[in-house]
Structure formats: C-alpha cells, structure tokens
Amino acid sequence: MRPEPAGPAVPAAHRARLAVVCLGFLALTLVQAPGRVVADTKLDLTVDPWGFLGRALQMWEPLGFAGQVQNQAYGYLFPMGPFFGLGQSAGLPAWVVQRLWMALILCVAFLGFVALARRLGIGTPGTWLLGGVAYALAPRMLTGLGAVSIEVWPMAVAPWVLVPLV
C-alpha cells in the first residue's frame, strides 16, 4: 500500500483536535511555577534578549565576569533569541515568554510527528495524535525543556525535516 501524498486538506475536526492538544501544551507549560523564570541555559537571554543578541554578534563580551570570550552565543541567534526579544517588546513578563517558548517547542514536535505519520500513511488520525503527544512528551524532550530548551529544538523539528522527503 502506497502512502497518500499531501493530498486533500485535513478535515476541520482533525485540525480542531490538533489545536486542542497545542492549547493543552500551552496550559501545561503555564501552570509550571507561574511567575518564576527557570534557569534555561542563558539567563541573560531571558531577562535581556535584545542586549544578549547584540553581545552575541561580538567575540568579546565585556559584561561577563571580568570580560569573556562568548561561548555558544551563536546558537541562540535564531529562533530562540528573536522569540524572546519579540516577547519582551510585546511587554510580556519574562516567565510568560519562557513558557510560550516551551509550548512552541512541544507543539512543533507534536505537529511534526502528526504531519510525518500522515505523509507516511501509517496509522489513523487517532494514532497520529497519540504518537505525536508521546513524541512531544518523551522523557528526553521534557528533561531538556526546562534546562537547555535550545538543545531539544533539533529534536522538535526533526519530523519537519523528513516531511518533504517522504
């Protein structure tokens, strides 16, 4: 049996289920320690994203302890840096922007898995949803999400990299 190509549009009921799961991820992230910023790799990216991004473009960062050579700042230039910068510019509290970032990662992983399973023609819409939730909430994803969220970003976008190849 050959998997169907991108084919017809996804039914509205299926899109509604996808939206409900993504809203569930948003709610799940927002109830985690509300009002508190978690230590996600680069604290200065969370509290001063535009300043961090400005310093990330230079090799020497004079504001660190006695000045320092930047370490891994380039990894935060996109998409995490602009996301946090736009959140700050919108006037959102740092902890809310951080939780929105976490929810985005979970949604990207979930939707990517669903899109890939659909393109491969395996399972049913129900199993796509279940598999997508399991993929997004995998232990590796959850353990990295609060501590080093940028490191789980590649895992979240991995299904999306495969979709055009199927």
Protein backbone atom coordinates (compact mmCIF):
# COMPACT_ATOMS: atom_id res chain seq x y z
CA MET A 1 0.00 0.00 0.00
CA ARG A 2 1.45 3.28 -1.09
CA PRO A 3 1.18 6.27 1.27
CA GLU A 4 -1.01 9.05 0.00
CA PRO A 5 0.71 12.29 -0.94
CA ALA A 6 -0.09 15.53 0.82
CA GLY A 7 -3.49 15.10 -0.80
CA PRO A 8 -6.71 16.74 0.26
CA ALA A 9 -6.98 19.21 3.07
CA VAL A 10 -7.10 17.94 6.61
CA PRO A 11 -10.69 17.81 7.91
CA ALA A 12 -11.76 20.60 10.26
CA ALA A 13 -12.38 18.16 13.12
CA HIS A 14 -8.80 16.89 12.89
CA ARG A 15 -7.43 20.45 12.84
CA ALA A 16 -9.55 21.22 15.92
CA ARG A 17 -8.04 18.23 17.73
CA LEU A 18 -4.55 19.45 16.84
CA ALA A 19 -5.41 22.89 18.22
CA VAL A 20 -6.79 21.39 21.44
CA VAL A 21 -3.59 19.42 22.02
CA CYS A 22 -1.46 22.52 21.39
CA LEU A 23 -3.62 24.52 23.81
CA GLY A 24 -3.12 21.69 26.30
CA PHE A 25 0.65 22.04 25.91
CA LEU A 26 0.32 25.78 26.47
CA ALA A 27 -1.72 25.24 29.63
CA LEU A 28 0.74 22.60 30.83
CA THR A 29 3.69 24.97 30.48
CA LEU A 30 1.93 27.97 32.01
CA VAL A 31 0.99 26.12 35.22
CA GLN A 32 4.63 25.20 35.87
CA ALA A 33 5.95 27.60 38.55
CA PRO A 34 3.93 30.63 37.41
CA GLY A 35 5.69 33.93 37.94
CA ARG A 36 9.13 32.32 38.15
CA VAL A 37 11.81 32.17 35.48
CA VAL A 38 13.52 28.79 35.27
CA ALA A 39 17.24 28.51 34.64
CA ASP A 40 17.21 27.77 30.92
CA THR A 41 20.85 27.86 29.78
CA LYS A 42 21.23 31.61 29.28
CA LEU A 43 19.50 33.69 31.93
CA ASP A 44 20.50 36.94 30.25
CA LEU A 45 18.69 35.80 27.10
CA THR A 46 15.52 35.55 29.17
CA VAL A 47 15.83 38.86 31.03
CA ASP A 48 17.52 41.00 28.33
CA PRO A 49 17.14 39.25 24.96
CA TRP A 50 17.98 42.23 22.73
CA GLY A 51 21.08 43.01 24.79
CA PHE A 52 22.14 39.36 24.65
CA LEU A 53 21.67 39.25 20.89
CA GLY A 54 23.69 42.43 20.48
CA ARG A 55 26.55 40.96 22.50
CA ALA A 56 26.27 37.63 20.66
CA LEU A 57 27.44 39.31 17.47
CA GLN A 58 30.83 40.10 19.00
CA MET A 59 33.51 37.62 20.02
CA TRP A 60 34.47 39.51 23.20
CA GLU A 61 31.72 40.10 25.74
CA PRO A 62 32.89 42.72 28.27
CA LEU A 63 29.91 42.44 30.65
CA GLY A 64 30.59 38.86 31.74
CA PHE A 65 32.85 38.02 34.66
CA ALA A 66 35.95 40.18 34.06
CA GLY A 67 35.13 40.05 30.36
CA GLN A 68 34.93 36.81 28.46
CA VAL A 69 35.02 35.19 25.07
CA GLN A 70 31.48 34.33 24.02
CA ASN A 71 30.53 30.70 24.45
CA GLN A 72 27.81 29.28 22.23
CA ALA A 73 26.05 32.63 21.80
CA TYR A 74 25.63 31.98 18.07
CA GLY A 75 23.33 29.06 18.88
CA TYR A 76 20.80 31.45 20.35
CA LEU A 77 20.67 33.90 17.44
CA PHE A 78 17.74 32.08 15.85
CA PRO A 79 14.99 31.16 16.65
CA MET A 80 15.23 31.50 20.44
CA GLY A 81 16.77 34.97 20.59
CA PRO A 82 14.26 36.78 18.36
CA PHE A 83 11.38 34.89 20.01
CA PHE A 84 12.39 36.16 23.45
CA GLY A 85 13.13 39.62 22.07
CA LEU A 86 9.70 39.93 20.46
CA GLY A 87 8.05 38.67 23.64
CA GLN A 88 9.86 41.31 25.67
CA SER A 89 8.98 44.01 23.10
CA ALA A 90 5.33 42.96 23.40
CA GLY A 91 5.54 43.69 27.13
CA LEU A 92 5.09 40.10 28.28
CA PRO A 93 6.73 39.04 31.55
CA ALA A 94 9.92 37.02 31.07
CA TRP A 95 8.41 33.92 32.65
CA VAL A 96 5.43 34.01 30.23
CA VAL A 97 7.73 34.33 27.21
CA GLN A 98 9.74 31.43 28.53
CA ARG A 99 6.63 29.25 28.90
CA LEU A 100 5.41 30.27 25.43
CA TRP A 101 8.79 29.15 24.05
CA MET A 102 8.42 25.79 25.80
CA ALA A 103 4.88 25.38 24.49
CA LEU A 104 6.10 26.24 20.98
CA ILE A 105 8.73 23.50 21.16
CA LEU A 106 6.16 20.95 22.28
CA CYS A 107 3.72 22.00 19.55
CA VAL A 108 6.37 21.92 16.82
CA ALA A 109 7.37 18.38 17.87
CA PHE A 110 3.76 17.21 18.12
CA LEU A 111 2.60 18.71 14.82
CA GLY A 112 5.73 17.49 13.03
CA PHE A 113 5.13 13.93 14.17
CA VAL A 114 1.49 14.09 13.08
CA ALA A 115 2.43 15.53 9.68
CA LEU A 116 5.09 12.88 9.14
CA ALA A 117 2.81 9.98 10.13
CA ARG A 118 0.10 11.34 7.84
CA ARG A 119 2.52 11.67 4.91
CA LEU A 120 3.84 8.16 5.51
CA GLY A 121 0.27 6.86 5.51
CA ILE A 122 0.74 4.89 8.72
CA GLY A 123 -1.86 4.62 11.45
CA THR A 124 -5.07 6.54 11.82
CA PRO A 125 -5.76 10.14 12.78
CA GLY A 126 -6.22 8.96 16.38
CA THR A 127 -2.90 7.15 16.48
CA TRP A 128 -1.20 10.14 14.85
CA LEU A 129 -2.40 12.29 17.73
CA LEU A 130 -1.39 9.75 20.36
CA GLY A 131 2.02 9.24 18.77
CA GLY A 132 2.54 12.98 18.45
CA VAL A 133 1.74 13.55 22.13
CA ALA A 134 4.09 10.71 23.10
CA TYR A 135 6.84 12.18 20.92
CA ALA A 136 6.41 15.70 22.30
CA LEU A 137 6.30 14.46 25.90
CA ALA A 138 9.17 11.99 25.54
CA PRO A 139 11.47 11.91 28.57
CA ARG A 140 14.39 13.34 26.57
CA MET A 141 12.24 16.25 25.45
CA LEU A 142 10.89 17.01 28.92
CA THR A 143 14.21 16.74 30.73
CA GLY A 144 15.86 19.16 28.33
CA LEU A 145 12.94 21.56 28.02
CA GLY A 146 13.46 23.41 31.28
CA ALA A 147 17.24 23.21 31.47
CA VAL A 148 18.51 23.58 27.91
CA SER A 149 15.50 24.11 25.69
CA ILE A 150 17.55 25.10 22.65
CA GLU A 151 19.12 21.64 22.70
CA VAL A 152 15.75 19.93 22.24
CA TRP A 153 14.82 22.25 19.36
CA PRO A 154 16.54 19.96 16.79
CA MET A 155 14.57 17.00 18.13
CA ALA A 156 11.35 19.02 17.81
CA VAL A 157 11.99 20.00 14.19
CA ALA A 158 13.34 16.58 13.12
CA PRO A 159 9.97 15.30 11.81
CA TRP A 160 9.57 18.51 9.79
CA VAL A 161 12.92 17.87 8.12
CA LEU A 162 11.68 14.46 6.99
CA VAL A 163 8.22 15.53 5.77
CA PRO A 164 9.39 16.95 2.42
CA LEU A 165 11.49 13.84 1.81
CA VAL A 166 8.52 11.47 2.12
